[in-house]
Amino acid sequence: MKPVLVISTLSLLVLAACGPATPEEAPAVEYRLVKTETVQSGPAASLIEVAGIGAFRDETRLSFKVGGVIERINVREGETVEKGQRLAALNKQDVNAAVSQASAGFEKAQRDLQRGKLLRDQEVISKVQLDNLETAAQAARAQLSQAQFASQTADIQAQANGVVLKRFAQTGEVVSPGQPILLLGSKSSGFVMKASLADKQAVHIQLGAKAEVQFDALPGVKWPGKVIELSQAADPATGTYGVLVEVDTRAHENINLLSGMQGRTRIEPANFNGMRSYVPIEAVVEGDNKAAWIYTVQADNTVKRQTVAVAFIQADRIALIDALPEGTRVVSTGAAYLQDGETVKVQE
């Protein structure tokens, strides 16, 4: 009977082991963590961005009207000058000699004319001869006036308050008439950025359009500006249209802008005032120049894969042809791993 008892006891142990287990909690559902951004509204047209060079609006090459030996140059590059300040002068020995010669010629022509009038009254000379004497006197007067003007232009004076940008000659050099001696930038004319536009850009820009200017030497620093000149005819050599953007230097008065600095300007086109929806470029899962695929977050935190038409790309954002509803949220981080209809957890 003892063996039967052992078997029964083992059977009870086996049945106990196969009985219902203690209930355990179900594992928590884990959702993919994403970041979102709300769709923003922005201009309906893309800013027109072109490279340019900074300069004073008025930069004048100063020279002598007559040739000669430079007696002195009173300024050097970078120096500030005031209107009327004497900047350079020629040795006037040759110029004064020319004035004396022209003056003597004029006086002789005047005497000949007076004598000719007396002789004509006495009918000693003909009317034609008297006319010739009058013509000679007029020519002598013109030569004297020219010599006197040349004497005045043997000095170079500043026509406005400004700064010496370039010095092309040195004291003692022999220069020819019209040869540049100094390049003067007028401070009163303001500072501008000079740029060139393609025809498809120029037709969308108007005088007074707002702009933004940056220089390569000063990354991150921006100046407000506006269009103050726009060519109405293309440059025959390049086929482009020149534009001048006035730089508001008051925005950074402590920064000294130099003529010749390279940079870029972004100009508002004529149809800039309309509005479009903008989404961050990192929200795009796939796309090309005409369409993009993004995920929008629904009210129940599920995501919906959506195709949007692209109007243009502006910096780090994409402008859409058709506006999205106000307040739409798009997945900006983590979109590449999502599936349509998936529930996500939004990281604040």
Protein backbone atom coordinates (compact mmCIF):
# COMPACT_ATOMS: atom_id res chain seq x y z
CA MET A 1 0.00 0.00 0.00
CA LYS A 2 2.92 2.35 0.49
CA PRO A 3 3.69 2.61 -3.25
CA VAL A 4 0.11 3.73 -3.97
CA LEU A 5 0.44 6.55 -1.45
CA VAL A 6 3.62 7.83 -3.11
CA ILE A 7 2.01 7.96 -6.54
CA SER A 8 -0.99 9.87 -5.26
CA THR A 9 1.22 12.43 -3.57
CA LEU A 10 3.23 13.00 -6.77
CA SER A 11 0.04 13.39 -8.77
CA LEU A 12 -1.16 16.15 -6.46
CA LEU A 13 2.18 17.98 -6.82
CA VAL A 14 2.02 17.82 -10.61
CA LEU A 15 -1.55 19.11 -10.68
CA ALA A 16 -0.59 21.96 -8.38
CA ALA A 17 2.27 22.94 -10.69
CA CYS A 18 -0.08 23.05 -13.71
CA GLY A 19 -2.62 25.25 -12.00
CA PRO A 20 -3.33 28.94 -12.76
CA ALA A 21 -0.38 31.31 -12.20
CA THR A 22 -0.45 34.53 -10.23
CA PRO A 23 -1.76 37.39 -12.45
CA GLU A 24 0.94 39.89 -13.67
CA GLU A 25 0.60 43.44 -15.04
CA ALA A 26 0.55 43.80 -18.87
CA PRO A 27 3.68 45.52 -20.33
CA ALA A 28 3.29 49.31 -20.95
CA VAL A 29 2.90 50.42 -24.61
CA GLU A 30 5.90 52.52 -25.77
CA TYR A 31 5.30 55.25 -28.34
CA ARG A 32 7.93 56.79 -30.58
CA LEU A 33 9.21 60.13 -29.24
CA VAL A 34 9.09 63.02 -31.75
CA LYS A 35 9.41 66.79 -31.84
CA THR A 36 6.91 69.00 -33.64
CA GLU A 37 6.62 72.53 -34.96
CA THR A 38 3.54 74.53 -35.75
CA VAL A 39 3.18 75.60 -39.37
CA GLN A 40 4.13 79.26 -39.75
CA SER A 41 2.86 81.92 -42.12
CA GLY A 42 5.29 83.92 -44.25
CA PRO A 43 5.68 85.99 -47.43
CA ALA A 44 4.12 84.66 -50.61
CA ALA A 45 7.29 85.25 -52.66
CA SER A 46 10.90 84.28 -52.15
CA LEU A 47 13.45 86.95 -51.27
CA ILE A 48 15.80 87.77 -54.14
CA GLU A 49 19.35 87.10 -52.93
CA VAL A 50 22.41 88.29 -54.88
CA ALA A 51 26.08 88.93 -54.19
CA GLY A 52 27.33 92.51 -54.06
CA ILE A 53 30.14 94.87 -53.08
CA GLY A 54 29.94 97.64 -50.50
CA ALA A 55 30.93 101.19 -51.46
CA PHE A 56 30.23 104.84 -50.79
CA ARG A 57 27.41 105.94 -53.06
CA ASP A 58 29.58 108.74 -54.46
CA GLU A 59 33.21 107.83 -55.08
CA THR A 60 35.08 110.46 -57.09
CA ARG A 61 38.41 110.18 -58.89
CA LEU A 62 40.13 113.53 -58.47
CA SER A 63 42.68 114.76 -61.03
CA PHE A 64 44.34 117.89 -62.44
CA LYS A 65 42.98 119.36 -65.66
CA VAL A 66 46.52 120.17 -66.79
CA GLY A 67 49.67 118.12 -66.67
CA GLY A 68 52.79 118.90 -64.68
CA VAL A 69 54.89 117.99 -61.67
CA ILE A 70 53.07 117.26 -58.39
CA GLU A 71 54.33 119.72 -55.81
CA ARG A 72 52.58 118.14 -52.84
CA ILE A 73 49.81 115.75 -51.77
CA ASN A 74 48.50 116.63 -48.33
CA VAL A 75 46.56 113.45 -47.49
CA ARG A 76 47.04 109.70 -47.35
CA GLU A 77 44.70 106.73 -47.64
CA GLY A 78 42.18 106.40 -44.84
CA GLU A 79 42.32 110.04 -43.77
CA THR A 80 39.09 111.96 -43.27
CA VAL A 81 38.77 115.25 -45.18
CA GLU A 82 36.39 118.19 -45.03
CA LYS A 83 34.68 120.02 -47.86
CA GLY A 84 36.94 122.68 -49.38
CA GLN A 85 40.13 121.19 -47.91
CA ARG A 86 43.16 121.47 -50.22
CA LEU A 87 44.31 117.94 -51.02
CA ALA A 88 47.03 118.28 -53.67
CA ALA A 89 48.75 120.85 -55.89
CA LEU A 90 50.93 121.01 -59.01
CA ASN A 91 54.05 123.07 -59.44
CA LYS A 92 52.49 126.17 -61.04
CA GLN A 93 55.53 127.47 -62.89
CA ASP A 94 54.34 126.11 -66.24
CA VAL A 95 50.71 126.97 -65.49
CA ASN A 96 51.52 130.56 -64.54
CA ALA A 97 53.64 130.92 -67.67
CA ALA A 98 50.68 129.77 -69.76
CA VAL A 99 48.43 132.33 -68.04
CA SER A 100 50.95 135.12 -68.69
CA GLN A 101 51.26 134.13 -72.34
CA ALA A 102 47.49 134.00 -72.80
CA SER A 103 47.07 137.33 -71.04
CA ALA A 104 49.64 138.99 -73.29
CA GLY A 105 47.97 137.55 -76.37
CA PHE A 106 44.60 138.84 -75.24
CA GLU A 107 45.95 142.35 -74.59
CA LYS A 108 47.54 142.43 -78.07
CA ALA A 109 44.31 141.26 -79.69
CA GLN A 110 42.41 144.01 -77.89
CA ARG A 111 44.87 146.68 -79.09
CA ASP A 112 44.68 145.38 -82.66
CA LEU A 113 40.90 145.50 -82.50
CA GLN A 114 40.82 149.08 -81.23
CA ARG A 115 43.25 150.20 -83.91
CA GLY A 116 41.25 148.31 -86.54
CA LYS A 117 38.06 150.13 -85.54
CA LEU A 118 39.79 153.50 -86.03
CA LEU A 119 41.13 152.46 -89.42
CA ARG A 120 37.71 151.19 -90.44
CA ASP A 121 36.17 154.57 -89.52
CA GLN A 122 38.74 156.14 -91.83
CA GLU A 123 37.91 153.49 -94.45
CA VAL A 124 41.53 152.36 -94.53
CA ILE A 125 40.63 148.68 -93.95
CA SER A 126 37.65 146.67 -95.14
CA LYS A 127 34.75 145.33 -93.09
CA VAL A 128 36.12 141.80 -93.51
CA GLN A 129 39.46 142.78 -92.01
CA LEU A 130 37.73 144.32 -88.99
CA ASP A 131 35.64 141.16 -88.52
CA ASN A 132 38.83 139.13 -88.52
CA LEU A 133 40.30 141.31 -85.79
CA GLU A 134 37.14 140.86 -83.69
CA THR A 135 37.35 137.09 -84.14
CA ALA A 136 41.02 137.10 -83.09
CA ALA A 137 40.13 139.09 -79.96
CA GLN A 138 37.40 136.58 -79.04
CA ALA A 139 39.80 133.67 -79.53
CA ALA A 140 42.41 135.36 -77.34
CA ARG A 141 39.80 135.93 -74.61
CA ALA A 142 38.86 132.23 -74.71
CA GLN A 143 42.50 131.16 -74.46
CA LEU A 144 43.02 133.42 -71.44
CA SER A 145 39.89 132.07 -69.76
CA GLN A 146 41.07 128.51 -70.39
CA ALA A 147 44.53 129.23 -68.97
CA GLN A 148 43.04 130.86 -65.87
CA PHE A 149 40.74 127.88 -65.30
CA ALA A 150 43.68 125.50 -65.74
CA SER A 151 45.55 127.51 -63.10
CA GLN A 152 42.67 127.01 -60.70
CA THR A 153 42.55 123.25 -61.36
CA ALA A 154 46.24 122.90 -60.58
CA ASP A 155 44.91 122.52 -57.03
CA ILE A 156 42.64 119.66 -55.92
CA GLN A 157 40.06 120.43 -53.25
CA ALA A 158 37.57 118.15 -51.51
CA GLN A 159 34.08 118.65 -52.90
CA ALA A 160 32.42 117.09 -49.84
CA ASN A 161 33.18 115.63 -46.43
CA GLY A 162 34.63 112.19 -46.97
CA VAL A 163 37.51 109.77 -46.69
CA VAL A 164 40.51 109.14 -48.94
CA LEU A 165 40.01 105.66 -50.39
CA LYS A 166 43.01 105.49 -52.70
CA ARG A 167 46.12 107.51 -53.53
CA PHE A 168 47.37 106.89 -57.06
CA ALA A 169 50.42 109.22 -57.23
CA GLN A 170 53.26 110.62 -55.14
CA THR A 171 54.90 114.03 -54.73
CA GLY A 172 57.36 114.80 -57.53
CA GLU A 173 55.67 112.62 -60.15
CA VAL A 174 54.94 114.04 -63.59
CA VAL A 175 51.27 113.52 -64.39
CA SER A 176 49.21 114.07 -67.52
CA PRO A 177 45.91 115.98 -67.70
CA GLY A 178 43.04 113.95 -66.23
CA GLN A 179 45.28 111.30 -64.65
CA PRO A 180 43.67 110.13 -61.35
CA ILE A 181 45.51 111.34 -58.24
CA LEU A 182 43.07 110.51 -55.40
CA LEU A 183 39.87 108.50 -54.95
CA LEU A 184 37.54 110.20 -52.48
CA GLY A 185 34.44 108.63 -50.92
CA SER A 186 31.73 111.05 -49.86
CA LYS A 187 30.36 110.25 -46.41
CA SER A 188 27.33 112.45 -46.92
CA SER A 189 26.24 110.33 -49.91
CA GLY A 190 25.81 107.25 -47.70
CA PHE A 191 27.04 103.66 -47.93
CA VAL A 192 25.53 101.24 -50.45
CA MET A 193 25.83 97.72 -51.77
CA LYS A 194 26.24 97.46 -55.54
CA ALA A 195 24.83 94.28 -57.10
CA SER A 196 23.81 92.90 -60.48
CA LEU A 197 20.46 91.26 -61.22
CA ALA A 198 19.35 88.84 -63.91
CA ASP A 199 16.36 90.00 -65.96
CA LYS A 200 14.01 87.52 -64.22
CA GLN A 201 15.04 89.11 -60.91
CA ALA A 202 15.03 92.77 -61.98
CA VAL A 203 11.41 92.67 -63.23
CA HIS A 204 10.21 91.85 -59.70
CA ILE A 205 12.06 94.67 -57.90
CA GLN A 206 10.88 98.23 -57.42
CA LEU A 207 12.51 101.39 -56.08
CA GLY A 208 12.08 101.63 -52.34
CA ALA A 209 11.87 97.85 -51.84
CA LYS A 210 13.09 96.69 -48.42
CA ALA A 211 16.33 94.73 -48.25
CA GLU A 212 18.76 93.13 -45.85
CA VAL A 213 22.55 93.34 -46.21
CA GLN A 214 25.34 91.14 -44.84
CA PHE A 215 29.10 91.26 -45.40
CA ASP A 216 31.35 88.19 -45.52
CA ALA A 217 33.85 89.81 -43.15
CA LEU A 218 31.13 90.25 -40.50
CA PRO A 219 29.17 86.98 -40.32
CA GLY A 220 25.88 87.16 -38.46
CA VAL A 221 25.70 90.97 -38.56
CA LYS A 222 22.79 92.31 -40.61
CA TRP A 223 21.90 95.82 -41.82
CA PRO A 224 18.47 96.95 -43.00
CA GLY A 225 18.43 98.60 -46.39
CA LYS A 226 16.31 99.68 -49.33
CA VAL A 227 16.64 99.88 -53.11
CA ILE A 228 17.54 103.44 -54.17
CA GLU A 229 18.67 102.87 -57.79
CA LEU A 230 17.67 100.28 -60.39
CA SER A 231 18.98 100.20 -63.95
CA GLN A 232 16.36 100.23 -66.69
CA ALA A 233 18.79 98.98 -69.35
CA ALA A 234 21.03 95.91 -69.30
CA ASP A 235 24.80 96.18 -69.21
CA PRO A 236 25.93 95.36 -72.78
CA ALA A 237 28.88 93.33 -71.50
CA THR A 238 27.12 91.19 -68.87
CA GLY A 239 23.41 91.41 -69.72
CA THR A 240 22.62 92.20 -66.08
CA TYR A 241 20.85 95.12 -64.41
CA GLY A 242 22.61 97.17 -61.76
CA VAL A 243 20.97 97.82 -58.41
CA LEU A 244 22.03 100.01 -55.48
CA VAL A 245 20.88 99.07 -51.99
CA GLU A 246 21.29 101.80 -49.38
CA VAL A 247 22.73 100.42 -46.14
CA ASP A 248 21.34 101.86 -42.90
CA THR A 249 24.66 102.30 -41.08
CA ARG A 250 22.84 103.53 -37.97
CA ALA A 251 21.98 99.90 -37.18
CA HIS A 252 25.62 99.31 -36.17
CA GLU A 253 27.25 102.70 -35.73
CA ASN A 254 30.30 101.20 -34.02
CA ILE A 255 31.24 99.15 -37.10
CA ASN A 256 33.37 100.81 -39.79
CA LEU A 257 32.29 99.68 -43.24
CA LEU A 258 35.01 99.73 -45.91
CA SER A 259 34.60 100.32 -49.62
CA GLY A 260 35.09 97.06 -51.51
CA MET A 261 33.74 94.71 -48.82
CA GLN A 262 32.02 91.70 -50.36
CA GLY A 263 28.68 90.39 -49.17
CA ARG A 264 25.11 89.56 -50.09
CA THR A 265 21.79 91.36 -50.12
CA ARG A 266 18.29 89.92 -49.88
CA ILE A 267 15.62 92.09 -51.53
CA GLU A 268 11.85 91.88 -51.16
CA PRO A 269 10.13 91.41 -54.55
CA ALA A 270 7.08 93.40 -55.60
CA ASN A 271 4.60 90.63 -54.64
CA PHE A 272 6.15 90.04 -51.23
CA ASN A 273 3.12 91.01 -49.14
CA GLY A 274 1.01 87.86 -49.73
CA MET A 275 1.14 84.94 -47.29
CA ARG A 276 2.06 81.25 -47.54
CA SER A 277 2.48 78.33 -45.14
CA TYR A 278 6.07 77.50 -44.17
CA VAL A 279 7.32 74.20 -42.73
CA PRO A 280 10.85 73.37 -41.52
CA ILE A 281 12.97 71.62 -44.11
CA GLU A 282 13.88 68.85 -41.63
CA ALA A 283 10.20 67.84 -41.54
CA VAL A 284 10.45 66.56 -45.13
CA VAL A 285 10.69 62.77 -45.35
CA GLU A 286 11.01 62.66 -49.13
CA GLY A 287 10.64 65.22 -51.84
CA ASP A 288 11.82 67.05 -54.93
CA ASN A 289 11.55 70.61 -56.21
CA LYS A 290 7.81 70.31 -56.76
CA ALA A 291 6.47 68.11 -53.96
CA ALA A 292 7.36 66.97 -50.45
CA TRP A 293 6.10 64.36 -48.02
CA ILE A 294 5.60 65.29 -44.38
CA TYR A 295 3.87 63.92 -41.28
CA THR A 296 1.21 66.00 -39.56
CA VAL A 297 0.17 65.27 -35.96
CA GLN A 298 -3.57 64.75 -35.37
CA ALA A 299 -5.54 65.60 -32.25
CA ASP A 300 -5.20 62.02 -30.92
CA ASN A 301 -1.40 62.11 -31.42
CA THR A 302 -1.48 59.86 -34.44
CA VAL A 303 0.52 60.94 -37.48
CA LYS A 304 -0.71 61.33 -41.02
CA ARG A 305 1.59 61.12 -44.03
CA GLN A 306 0.74 64.06 -46.30
CA THR A 307 1.90 65.28 -49.70
CA VAL A 308 2.39 69.04 -50.10
CA ALA A 309 3.27 71.11 -53.18
CA VAL A 310 6.44 73.20 -52.86
CA ALA A 311 6.42 76.84 -53.99
CA PHE A 312 10.08 77.56 -53.14
CA ILE A 313 12.75 76.94 -50.51
CA GLN A 314 13.77 79.87 -48.31
CA ALA A 315 16.75 79.31 -46.00
CA ASP A 316 15.80 76.41 -43.68
CA ARG A 317 12.08 76.39 -44.54
CA ILE A 318 9.83 75.29 -47.39
CA ALA A 319 7.03 77.52 -48.64
CA LEU A 320 3.92 75.64 -49.74
CA ILE A 321 1.68 76.39 -52.71
CA ASP A 322 -1.47 75.44 -50.81
CA ALA A 323 -1.83 76.68 -47.25
CA LEU A 324 -2.21 74.22 -44.37
CA PRO A 325 -4.88 74.87 -41.70
CA GLU A 326 -3.82 77.29 -38.99
CA GLY A 327 -2.28 75.50 -36.00
CA THR A 328 -1.24 72.40 -37.97
CA ARG A 329 1.64 70.58 -36.28
CA VAL A 330 4.28 68.79 -38.33
CA VAL A 331 6.89 66.32 -37.12
CA SER A 332 10.25 68.11 -37.26
CA THR A 333 12.44 65.48 -35.58
CA GLY A 334 11.97 61.72 -35.91
CA ALA A 335 9.82 61.78 -39.05
CA ALA A 336 12.09 59.42 -40.99
CA TYR A 337 11.10 56.41 -38.82
CA LEU A 338 7.34 56.90 -38.71
CA GLN A 339 4.50 55.02 -40.40
CA ASP A 340 1.18 56.45 -41.45
CA GLY A 341 -1.35 56.23 -38.60
CA GLU A 342 1.23 55.52 -35.90
CA THR A 343 0.69 57.00 -32.44
CA VAL A 344 3.54 59.13 -31.17
CA LYS A 345 4.59 60.90 -28.02
CA VAL A 346 5.40 64.57 -28.52
CA GLN A 347 8.48 65.83 -26.71
CA GLU A 348 7.86 69.23 -25.19
